[in-house]
Amino acid sequence: MSRTRRTFGKDFKAKVVLEALKEKDTIEVLAKKYELLPNQISMWKAEAIRNLSAVFSAEKTVVAKDEIPTEKLYARIGQLTLENDFLKKSLG
């Protein structure tokens, strides 16, 4: 019987580490709850603590899903300016 390696997403890891950092339950209780080894949770927690300063020092490069790139906005502004100028000349 071959064992396959499980992979965990960043959201799952973050949820487990957040609960571990809250320290409401022990690592062993969390390990049973999420069907993980206690050592795995400890490693994720240590990695999160090591990299925690990067959250505050890095610039925000994440683009929101609803955010429109600035190039498209500038192109639209230019188009509207031309249309506005054309309509002003037509009326005046």
PDB file of N, CA and C in Angstrom:
ATOM      1  N   MET A   1       0.847  -1.183   0.000  1.00  0.00           N
ATOM      2  CA  MET A   1       0.000   0.000   0.000  1.00  0.00           C
ATOM      3  C   MET A   1       0.890   1.243   0.000  1.00  0.00           C
ATOM      4  N   SER A   2       0.759   2.054  -1.025  1.00  0.00           N
ATOM      5  CA  SER A   2       1.603   3.249  -1.108  1.00  0.00           C
ATOM      6  C   SER A   2       0.898   4.431  -0.448  1.00  0.00           C
ATOM      7  N   ARG A   3       1.679   5.215   0.211  1.00  0.00           N
ATOM      8  CA  ARG A   3       1.143   6.406   0.870  1.00  0.00           C
ATOM      9  C   ARG A   3       1.406   7.605  -0.018  1.00  0.00           C
ATOM     10  N   THR A   4       0.404   8.421  -0.184  1.00  0.00           N
ATOM     11  CA  THR A   4       0.584   9.627  -0.970  1.00  0.00           C
ATOM     12  C   THR A   4       0.800  10.800  -0.027  1.00  0.00           C
ATOM     13  N   ARG A   5       1.618  11.696  -0.463  1.00  0.00           N
ATOM     14  CA  ARG A   5       1.931  12.874   0.343  1.00  0.00           C
ATOM     15  C   ARG A   5       0.792  13.877   0.235  1.00  0.00           C
ATOM     16  N   ARG A   6       0.332  14.351   1.373  1.00  0.00           N
ATOM     17  CA  ARG A   6      -0.734  15.345   1.367  1.00  0.00           C
ATOM     18  C   ARG A   6      -0.122  16.731   1.213  1.00  0.00           C
ATOM     19  N   THR A   7      -0.808  17.575   0.489  1.00  0.00           N
ATOM     20  CA  THR A   7      -0.379  18.959   0.360  1.00  0.00           C
ATOM     21  C   THR A   7      -1.450  19.852   0.969  1.00  0.00           C
ATOM     22  N   PHE A   8      -1.010  20.909   1.583  1.00  0.00           N
ATOM     23  CA  PHE A   8      -1.917  21.822   2.267  1.00  0.00           C
ATOM     24  C   PHE A   8      -1.777  23.206   1.666  1.00  0.00           C
ATOM     25  N   GLY A   9      -2.897  23.852   1.474  1.00  0.00           N
ATOM     26  CA  GLY A   9      -2.907  25.198   0.928  1.00  0.00           C
ATOM     27  C   GLY A   9      -2.521  26.225   1.974  1.00  0.00           C
ATOM     28  N   LYS A  10      -2.193  27.413   1.508  1.00  0.00           N
ATOM     29  CA  LYS A  10      -1.758  28.470   2.417  1.00  0.00           C
ATOM     30  C   LYS A  10      -2.872  28.911   3.357  1.00  0.00           C
ATOM     31  N   ASP A  11      -4.123  28.845   2.888  1.00  0.00           N
ATOM     32  CA  ASP A  11      -5.242  29.232   3.756  1.00  0.00           C
ATOM     33  C   ASP A  11      -5.403  28.261   4.915  1.00  0.00           C
ATOM     34  N   PHE A  12      -5.257  26.966   4.624  1.00  0.00           N
ATOM     35  CA  PHE A  12      -5.360  25.956   5.677  1.00  0.00           C
ATOM     36  C   PHE A  12      -4.227  26.124   6.681  1.00  0.00           C
ATOM     37  N   LYS A  13      -3.010  26.305   6.178  1.00  0.00           N
ATOM     38  CA  LYS A  13      -1.855  26.490   7.063  1.00  0.00           C
ATOM     39  C   LYS A  13      -2.041  27.719   7.938  1.00  0.00           C
ATOM     40  N   ALA A  14      -2.526  28.803   7.348  1.00  0.00           N
ATOM     41  CA  ALA A  14      -2.727  30.038   8.106  1.00  0.00           C
ATOM     42  C   ALA A  14      -3.753  29.834   9.208  1.00  0.00           C
ATOM     43  N   LYS A  15      -4.817  29.097   8.908  1.00  0.00           N
ATOM     44  CA  LYS A  15      -5.850  28.836   9.906  1.00  0.00           C
ATOM     45  C   LYS A  15      -5.290  28.035  11.077  1.00  0.00           C
ATOM     46  N   VAL A  16      -4.508  27.007  10.778  1.00  0.00           N
ATOM     47  CA  VAL A  16      -3.925  26.167  11.824  1.00  0.00           C
ATOM     48  C   VAL A  16      -2.928  26.963  12.649  1.00  0.00           C
ATOM     49  N   VAL A  17      -2.068  27.724  11.985  1.00  0.00           N
ATOM     50  CA  VAL A  17      -1.055  28.512  12.698  1.00  0.00           C
ATOM     51  C   VAL A  17      -1.710  29.578  13.565  1.00  0.00           C
ATOM     52  N   LEU A  18      -2.762  30.204  13.065  1.00  0.00           N
ATOM     53  CA  LEU A  18      -3.461  31.220  13.848  1.00  0.00           C
ATOM     54  C   LEU A  18      -4.030  30.620  15.130  1.00  0.00           C
ATOM     55  N   GLU A  19      -4.616  29.443  15.011  1.00  0.00           N
ATOM     56  CA  GLU A  19      -5.130  28.782  16.208  1.00  0.00           C
ATOM     57  C   GLU A  19      -3.995  28.401  17.152  1.00  0.00           C
ATOM     58  N   ALA A  20      -2.867  27.982  16.603  1.00  0.00           N
ATOM     59  CA  ALA A  20      -1.720  27.631  17.440  1.00  0.00           C
ATOM     60  C   ALA A  20      -1.174  28.857  18.160  1.00  0.00           C
ATOM     61  N   LEU A  21      -1.163  29.995  17.480  1.00  0.00           N
ATOM     62  CA  LEU A  21      -0.667  31.225  18.098  1.00  0.00           C
ATOM     63  C   LEU A  21      -1.605  31.743  19.184  1.00  0.00           C
ATOM     64  N   LYS A  22      -2.901  31.485  19.040  1.00  0.00           N
ATOM     65  CA  LYS A  22      -3.863  31.908  20.055  1.00  0.00           C
ATOM     66  C   LYS A  22      -3.685  31.143  21.362  1.00  0.00           C
ATOM     67  N   GLU A  23      -3.140  29.920  21.249  1.00  0.00           N
ATOM     68  CA  GLU A  23      -2.846  29.055  22.401  1.00  0.00           C
ATOM     69  C   GLU A  23      -4.075  28.750  23.254  1.00  0.00           C
ATOM     70  N   LYS A  24      -5.264  28.673  22.616  1.00  0.00           N
ATOM     71  CA  LYS A  24      -6.452  28.233  23.350  1.00  0.00           C
ATOM     72  C   LYS A  24      -6.397  26.725  23.569  1.00  0.00           C
ATOM     73  N   ASP A  25      -5.848  26.005  22.581  1.00  0.00           N
ATOM     74  CA  ASP A  25      -5.668  24.560  22.673  1.00  0.00           C
ATOM     75  C   ASP A  25      -4.187  24.244  22.535  1.00  0.00           C
ATOM     76  N   THR A  26      -3.802  23.070  23.006  1.00  0.00           N
ATOM     77  CA  THR A  26      -2.411  22.660  22.869  1.00  0.00           C
ATOM     78  C   THR A  26      -2.151  22.223  21.427  1.00  0.00           C
ATOM     79  N   ILE A  27      -0.885  22.099  21.098  1.00  0.00           N
ATOM     80  CA  ILE A  27      -0.491  21.652  19.770  1.00  0.00           C
ATOM     81  C   ILE A  27      -1.040  20.240  19.519  1.00  0.00           C
ATOM     82  N   GLU A  28      -1.025  19.405  20.552  1.00  0.00           N
ATOM     83  CA  GLU A  28      -1.513  18.039  20.409  1.00  0.00           C
ATOM     84  C   GLU A  28      -3.010  18.011  20.087  1.00  0.00           C
ATOM     85  N   VAL A  29      -3.772  18.861  20.736  1.00  0.00           N
ATOM     86  CA  VAL A  29      -5.214  18.926  20.470  1.00  0.00           C
ATOM     87  C   VAL A  29      -5.457  19.404  19.044  1.00  0.00           C
ATOM     88  N   LEU A  30      -4.721  20.412  18.620  1.00  0.00           N
ATOM     89  CA  LEU A  30      -4.858  20.904  17.246  1.00  0.00           C
ATOM     90  C   LEU A  30      -4.454  19.833  16.230  1.00  0.00           C
ATOM     91  N   ALA A  31      -3.418  19.068  16.562  1.00  0.00           N
ATOM     92  CA  ALA A  31      -2.966  18.009  15.662  1.00  0.00           C
ATOM     93  C   ALA A  31      -4.058  16.958  15.467  1.00  0.00           C
ATOM     94  N   LYS A  32      -4.716  16.589  16.532  1.00  0.00           N
ATOM     95  CA  LYS A  32      -5.818  15.626  16.407  1.00  0.00           C
ATOM     96  C   LYS A  32      -6.997  16.236  15.655  1.00  0.00           C
ATOM     97  N   LYS A  33      -7.278  17.496  15.932  1.00  0.00           N
ATOM     98  CA  LYS A  33      -8.405  18.172  15.291  1.00  0.00           C
ATOM     99  C   LYS A  33      -8.234  18.232  13.767  1.00  0.00           C
ATOM    100  N   TYR A  34      -7.026  18.549  13.323  1.00  0.00           N
ATOM    101  CA  TYR A  34      -6.763  18.719  11.893  1.00  0.00           C
ATOM    102  C   TYR A  34      -6.071  17.514  11.258  1.00  0.00           C
ATOM    103  N   GLU A  35      -5.897  16.436  12.028  1.00  0.00           N
ATOM    104  CA  GLU A  35      -5.263  15.214  11.540  1.00  0.00           C
ATOM    105  C   GLU A  35      -3.866  15.480  10.994  1.00  0.00           C
ATOM    106  N   LEU A  36      -3.070  16.152  11.797  1.00  0.00           N
ATOM    107  CA  LEU A  36      -1.687  16.470  11.457  1.00  0.00           C
ATOM    108  C   LEU A  36      -0.766  15.954  12.563  1.00  0.00           C
ATOM    109  N   LEU A  37       0.519  15.953  12.280  1.00  0.00           N
ATOM    110  CA  LEU A  37       1.490  15.648  13.322  1.00  0.00           C
ATOM    111  C   LEU A  37       1.779  16.935  14.096  1.00  0.00           C
ATOM    112  N   PRO A  38       1.953  16.818  15.420  1.00  0.00           N
ATOM    113  CA  PRO A  38       2.266  18.023  16.207  1.00  0.00           C
ATOM    114  C   PRO A  38       3.523  18.734  15.716  1.00  0.00           C
ATOM    115  N   ASN A  39       4.498  17.953  15.244  1.00  0.00           N
ATOM    116  CA  ASN A  39       5.736  18.535  14.737  1.00  0.00           C
ATOM    117  C   ASN A  39       5.469  19.431  13.524  1.00  0.00           C
ATOM    118  N   GLN A  40       4.535  19.021  12.679  1.00  0.00           N
ATOM    119  CA  GLN A  40       4.197  19.814  11.490  1.00  0.00           C
ATOM    120  C   GLN A  40       3.634  21.173  11.886  1.00  0.00           C
ATOM    121  N   ILE A  41       2.741  21.180  12.864  1.00  0.00           N
ATOM    122  CA  ILE A  41       2.154  22.441  13.322  1.00  0.00           C
ATOM    123  C   ILE A  41       3.235  23.324  13.932  1.00  0.00           C
ATOM    124  N   SER A  42       4.133  22.724  14.698  1.00  0.00           N
ATOM    125  CA  SER A  42       5.228  23.500  15.301  1.00  0.00           C
ATOM    126  C   SER A  42       6.122  24.113  14.238  1.00  0.00           C
ATOM    127  N   MET A  43       6.389  23.359  13.167  1.00  0.00           N
ATOM    128  CA  MET A  43       7.232  23.895  12.088  1.00  0.00           C
ATOM    129  C   MET A  43       6.540  25.048  11.374  1.00  0.00           C
ATOM    130  N   TRP A  44       5.243  24.902  11.088  1.00  0.00           N
ATOM    131  CA  TRP A  44       4.498  25.981  10.441  1.00  0.00           C
ATOM    132  C   TRP A  44       4.461  27.215  11.328  1.00  0.00           C
ATOM    133  N   LYS A  45       4.282  27.012  12.623  1.00  0.00           N
ATOM    134  CA  LYS A  45       4.213  28.129  13.572  1.00  0.00           C
ATOM    135  C   LYS A  45       5.556  28.859  13.624  1.00  0.00           C
ATOM    136  N   ALA A  46       6.657  28.105  13.689  1.00  0.00           N
ATOM    137  CA  ALA A  46       7.988  28.716  13.723  1.00  0.00           C
ATOM    138  C   ALA A  46       8.266  29.498  12.444  1.00  0.00           C
ATOM    139  N   GLU A  47       7.865  28.941  11.310  1.00  0.00           N
ATOM    140  CA  GLU A  47       8.062  29.634  10.031  1.00  0.00           C
ATOM    141  C   GLU A  47       7.248  30.924   9.975  1.00  0.00           C
ATOM    142  N   ALA A  48       6.027  30.873  10.472  1.00  0.00           N
ATOM    143  CA  ALA A  48       5.178  32.070  10.483  1.00  0.00           C
ATOM    144  C   ALA A  48       5.786  33.152  11.369  1.00  0.00           C
ATOM    145  N   ILE A  49       6.301  32.771  12.510  1.00  0.00           N
ATOM    146  CA  ILE A  49       6.908  33.746  13.422  1.00  0.00           C
ATOM    147  C   ILE A  49       8.160  34.352  12.795  1.00  0.00           C
ATOM    148  N   ARG A  50       8.968  33.507  12.127  1.00  0.00           N
ATOM    149  CA  ARG A  50      10.184  34.014  11.469  1.00  0.00           C
ATOM    150  C   ARG A  50       9.850  35.030  10.389  1.00  0.00           C
ATOM    151  N   ASN A  51       8.782  34.796   9.657  1.00  0.00           N
ATOM    152  CA  ASN A  51       8.447  35.652   8.521  1.00  0.00           C
ATOM    153  C   ASN A  51       7.409  36.716   8.844  1.00  0.00           C
ATOM    154  N   LEU A  52       7.071  36.873  10.089  1.00  0.00           N
ATOM    155  CA  LEU A  52       6.033  37.814  10.472  1.00  0.00           C
ATOM    156  C   LEU A  52       6.424  39.263  10.182  1.00  0.00           C
ATOM    157  N   SER A  53       7.691  39.594  10.331  1.00  0.00           N
ATOM    158  CA  SER A  53       8.109  40.973  10.089  1.00  0.00           C
ATOM    159  C   SER A  53       7.946  41.366   8.623  1.00  0.00           C
ATOM    160  N   ALA A  54       7.974  40.397   7.718  1.00  0.00           N
ATOM    161  CA  ALA A  54       7.811  40.697   6.294  1.00  0.00           C
ATOM    162  C   ALA A  54       6.424  41.235   5.991  1.00  0.00           C
ATOM    163  N   VAL A  55       5.458  40.885   6.794  1.00  0.00           N
ATOM    164  CA  VAL A  55       4.091  41.368   6.578  1.00  0.00           C
ATOM    165  C   VAL A  55       4.040  42.880   6.740  1.00  0.00           C
ATOM    166  N   PHE A  56       4.788  43.403   7.694  1.00  0.00           N
ATOM    167  CA  PHE A  56       4.743  44.828   7.992  1.00  0.00           C
ATOM    168  C   PHE A  56       5.767  45.634   7.212  1.00  0.00           C
ATOM    169  N   SER A  57       6.836  45.007   6.735  1.00  0.00           N
ATOM    170  CA  SER A  57       7.872  45.767   6.061  1.00  0.00           C
ATOM    171  C   SER A  57       7.693  45.797   4.546  1.00  0.00           C
ATOM    172  N   ALA A  58       7.046  44.819   3.978  1.00  0.00           N
ATOM    173  CA  ALA A  58       6.892  44.761   2.525  1.00  0.00           C
ATOM    174  C   ALA A  58       5.817  45.732   2.068  1.00  0.00           C
ATOM    175  N   GLU A  59       6.040  46.280   0.873  1.00  0.00           N
ATOM    176  CA  GLU A  59       5.031  47.155   0.286  1.00  0.00           C
ATOM    177  C   GLU A  59       3.864  46.307  -0.176  1.00  0.00           C
ATOM    178  N   LYS A  60       2.727  46.891  -0.225  1.00  0.00           N
ATOM    179  CA  LYS A  60       1.535  46.171  -0.662  1.00  0.00           C
ATOM    180  C   LYS A  60       1.575  46.049  -2.176  1.00  0.00           C
ATOM    181  N   THR A  61       1.856  44.865  -2.676  1.00  0.00           N
ATOM    182  CA  THR A  61       1.890  44.630  -4.107  1.00  0.00           C
ATOM    183  C   THR A  61       0.704  43.796  -4.560  1.00  0.00           C
ATOM    184  N   VAL A  62      -0.151  43.452  -3.651  1.00  0.00           N
ATOM    185  CA  VAL A  62      -1.311  42.656  -3.990  1.00  0.00           C
ATOM    186  C   VAL A  62      -2.347  43.547  -4.660  1.00  0.00           C
ATOM    187  N   VAL A  63      -2.812  43.137  -5.809  1.00  0.00           N
ATOM    188  CA  VAL A  63      -3.816  43.888  -6.549  1.00  0.00           C
ATOM    189  C   VAL A  63      -5.168  43.270  -6.255  1.00  0.00           C
ATOM    190  N   ALA A  64      -6.095  44.105  -5.861  1.00  0.00           N
ATOM    191  CA  ALA A  64      -7.443  43.610  -5.595  1.00  0.00           C
ATOM    192  C   ALA A  64      -8.075  43.129  -6.895  1.00  0.00           C
ATOM    193  N   LYS A  65      -8.987  42.191  -6.796  1.00  0.00           N
ATOM    194  CA  LYS A  65      -9.617  41.640  -7.985  1.00  0.00           C
ATOM    195  C   LYS A  65     -10.404  42.707  -8.743  1.00  0.00           C
ATOM    196  N   ASP A  66     -11.002  43.658  -8.019  1.00  0.00           N
ATOM    197  CA  ASP A  66     -11.810  44.691  -8.650  1.00  0.00           C
ATOM    198  C   ASP A  66     -10.991  45.885  -9.128  1.00  0.00           C
ATOM    199  N   GLU A  67      -9.717  45.924  -8.811  1.00  0.00           N
ATOM    200  CA  GLU A  67      -8.882  47.065  -9.159  1.00  0.00           C
ATOM    201  C   GLU A  67      -8.518  47.024 -10.639  1.00  0.00           C
ATOM    202  N   ILE A  68      -8.688  48.152 -11.316  1.00  0.00           N
ATOM    203  CA  ILE A  68      -8.379  48.268 -12.740  1.00  0.00           C
ATOM    204  C   ILE A  68      -6.964  48.810 -12.874  1.00  0.00           C
ATOM    205  N   PRO A  69      -6.142  48.238 -13.753  1.00  0.00           N
ATOM    206  CA  PRO A  69      -4.771  48.741 -13.936  1.00  0.00           C
ATOM    207  C   PRO A  69      -4.774  50.216 -14.341  1.00  0.00           C
ATOM    208  N   THR A  70      -3.786  50.948 -13.877  1.00  0.00           N
ATOM    209  CA  THR A  70      -3.730  52.392 -14.116  1.00  0.00           C
ATOM    210  C   THR A  70      -3.603  52.732 -15.601  1.00  0.00           C
ATOM    211  N   GLU A  71      -2.952  51.864 -16.387  1.00  0.00           N
ATOM    212  CA  GLU A  71      -2.810  52.148 -17.815  1.00  0.00           C
ATOM    213  C   GLU A  71      -4.186  52.233 -18.480  1.00  0.00           C
ATOM    214  N   LYS A  72      -5.067  51.317 -18.107  1.00  0.00           N
ATOM    215  CA  LYS A  72      -6.409  51.343 -18.687  1.00  0.00           C
ATOM    216  C   LYS A  72      -7.176  52.580 -18.237  1.00  0.00           C
ATOM    217  N   LEU A  73      -6.969  52.985 -17.002  1.00  0.00           N
ATOM    218  CA  LEU A  73      -7.649  54.180 -16.497  1.00  0.00           C
ATOM    219  C   LEU A  73      -7.178  55.431 -17.234  1.00  0.00           C
ATOM    220  N   TYR A  74      -5.851  55.539 -17.435  1.00  0.00           N
ATOM    221  CA  TYR A  74      -5.325  56.696 -18.155  1.00  0.00           C
ATOM    222  C   TYR A  74      -5.815  56.702 -19.605  1.00  0.00           C
ATOM    223  N   ALA A  75      -5.899  55.534 -20.224  1.00  0.00           N
ATOM    224  CA  ALA A  75      -6.404  55.461 -21.595  1.00  0.00           C
ATOM    225  C   ALA A  75      -7.862  55.917 -21.646  1.00  0.00           C
ATOM    226  N   ARG A  76      -8.645  55.501 -20.674  1.00  0.00           N
ATOM    227  CA  ARG A  76     -10.064  55.897 -20.633  1.00  0.00           C
ATOM    228  C   ARG A  76     -10.199  57.401 -20.396  1.00  0.00           C
ATOM    229  N   ILE A  77      -9.360  57.961 -19.522  1.00  0.00           N
ATOM    230  CA  ILE A  77      -9.386  59.408 -19.269  1.00  0.00           C
ATOM    231  C   ILE A  77      -9.070  60.171 -20.556  1.00  0.00           C
ATOM    232  N   GLY A  78      -8.061  59.698 -21.298  1.00  0.00           N
ATOM    233  CA  GLY A  78      -7.706  60.342 -22.562  1.00  0.00           C
ATOM    234  C   GLY A  78      -8.853  60.295 -23.558  1.00  0.00           C
ATOM    235  N   GLN A  79      -9.506  59.147 -23.656  1.00  0.00           N
ATOM    236  CA  GLN A  79     -10.630  58.998 -24.568  1.00  0.00           C
ATOM    237  C   GLN A  79     -11.773  59.932 -24.190  1.00  0.00           C
ATOM    238  N   LEU A  80     -12.090  60.003 -22.908  1.00  0.00           N
ATOM    239  CA  LEU A  80     -13.179  60.873 -22.458  1.00  0.00           C
ATOM    240  C   LEU A  80     -12.836  62.346 -22.654  1.00  0.00           C
ATOM    241  N   THR A  81     -11.574  62.696 -22.488  1.00  0.00           N
ATOM    242  CA  THR A  81     -11.144  64.077 -22.703  1.00  0.00           C
ATOM    243  C   THR A  81     -11.329  64.470 -24.175  1.00  0.00           C
ATOM    244  N   LEU A  82     -10.932  63.572 -25.067  1.00  0.00           N
ATOM    245  CA  LEU A  82     -11.116  63.846 -26.495  1.00  0.00           C
ATOM    246  C   LEU A  82     -12.588  64.000 -26.843  1.00  0.00           C
ATOM    247  N   GLU A  83     -13.419  63.103 -26.328  1.00  0.00           N
ATOM    248  CA  GLU A  83     -14.855  63.194 -26.601  1.00  0.00           C
ATOM    249  C   GLU A  83     -15.438  64.493 -26.041  1.00  0.00           C
ATOM    250  N   ASN A  84     -14.995  64.867 -24.862  1.00  0.00           N
ATOM    251  CA  ASN A  84     -15.473  66.093 -24.223  1.00  0.00           C
ATOM    252  C   ASN A  84     -15.075  67.313 -25.044  1.00  0.00           C
ATOM    253  N   ASP A  85     -13.839  67.367 -25.504  1.00  0.00           N
ATOM    254  CA  ASP A  85     -13.370  68.471 -26.335  1.00  0.00           C
ATOM    255  C   ASP A  85     -14.152  68.534 -27.649  1.00  0.00           C
ATOM    256  N   PHE A  86     -14.406  67.388 -28.253  1.00  0.00           N
ATOM    257  CA  PHE A  86     -15.171  67.346 -29.495  1.00  0.00           C
ATOM    258  C   PHE A  86     -16.582  67.888 -29.297  1.00  0.00           C
ATOM    259  N   LEU A  87     -17.211  67.479 -28.193  1.00  0.00           N
ATOM    260  CA  LEU A  87     -18.577  67.954 -27.934  1.00  0.00           C
ATOM    261  C   LEU A  87     -18.599  69.446 -27.610  1.00  0.00           C
ATOM    262  N   LYS A  88     -17.601  69.949 -26.929  1.00  0.00           N
ATOM    263  CA  LYS A  88     -17.537  71.384 -26.644  1.00  0.00           C
ATOM    264  C   LYS A  88     -17.423  72.178 -27.934  1.00  0.00           C
ATOM    265  N   LYS A  89     -16.600  71.709 -28.879  1.00  0.00           N
ATOM    266  CA  LYS A  89     -16.423  72.402 -30.154  1.00  0.00           C
ATOM    267  C   LYS A  89     -17.717  72.348 -30.987  1.00  0.00           C
ATOM    268  N   SER A  90     -18.410  71.205 -30.912  1.00  0.00           N
ATOM    269  CA  SER A  90     -19.648  71.062 -31.686  1.00  0.00           C
ATOM    270  C   SER A  90     -20.723  72.017 -31.182  1.00  0.00           C
ATOM    271  N   LEU A  91     -20.803  72.185 -29.875  1.00  0.00           N
ATOM    272  CA  LEU A  91     -21.829  73.044 -29.314  1.00  0.00           C
ATOM    273  C   LEU A  91     -21.476  74.521 -29.387  1.00  0.00           C
ATOM    274  N   GLY A  92     -20.229  74.817 -29.387  1.00  0.00           N
ATOM    275  CA  GLY A  92     -19.824  76.228 -29.336  1.00  0.00           C
ATOM    276  C   GLY A  92     -19.387  76.747 -30.614  1.00  0.00           C
TER     277      GLY A  92
END
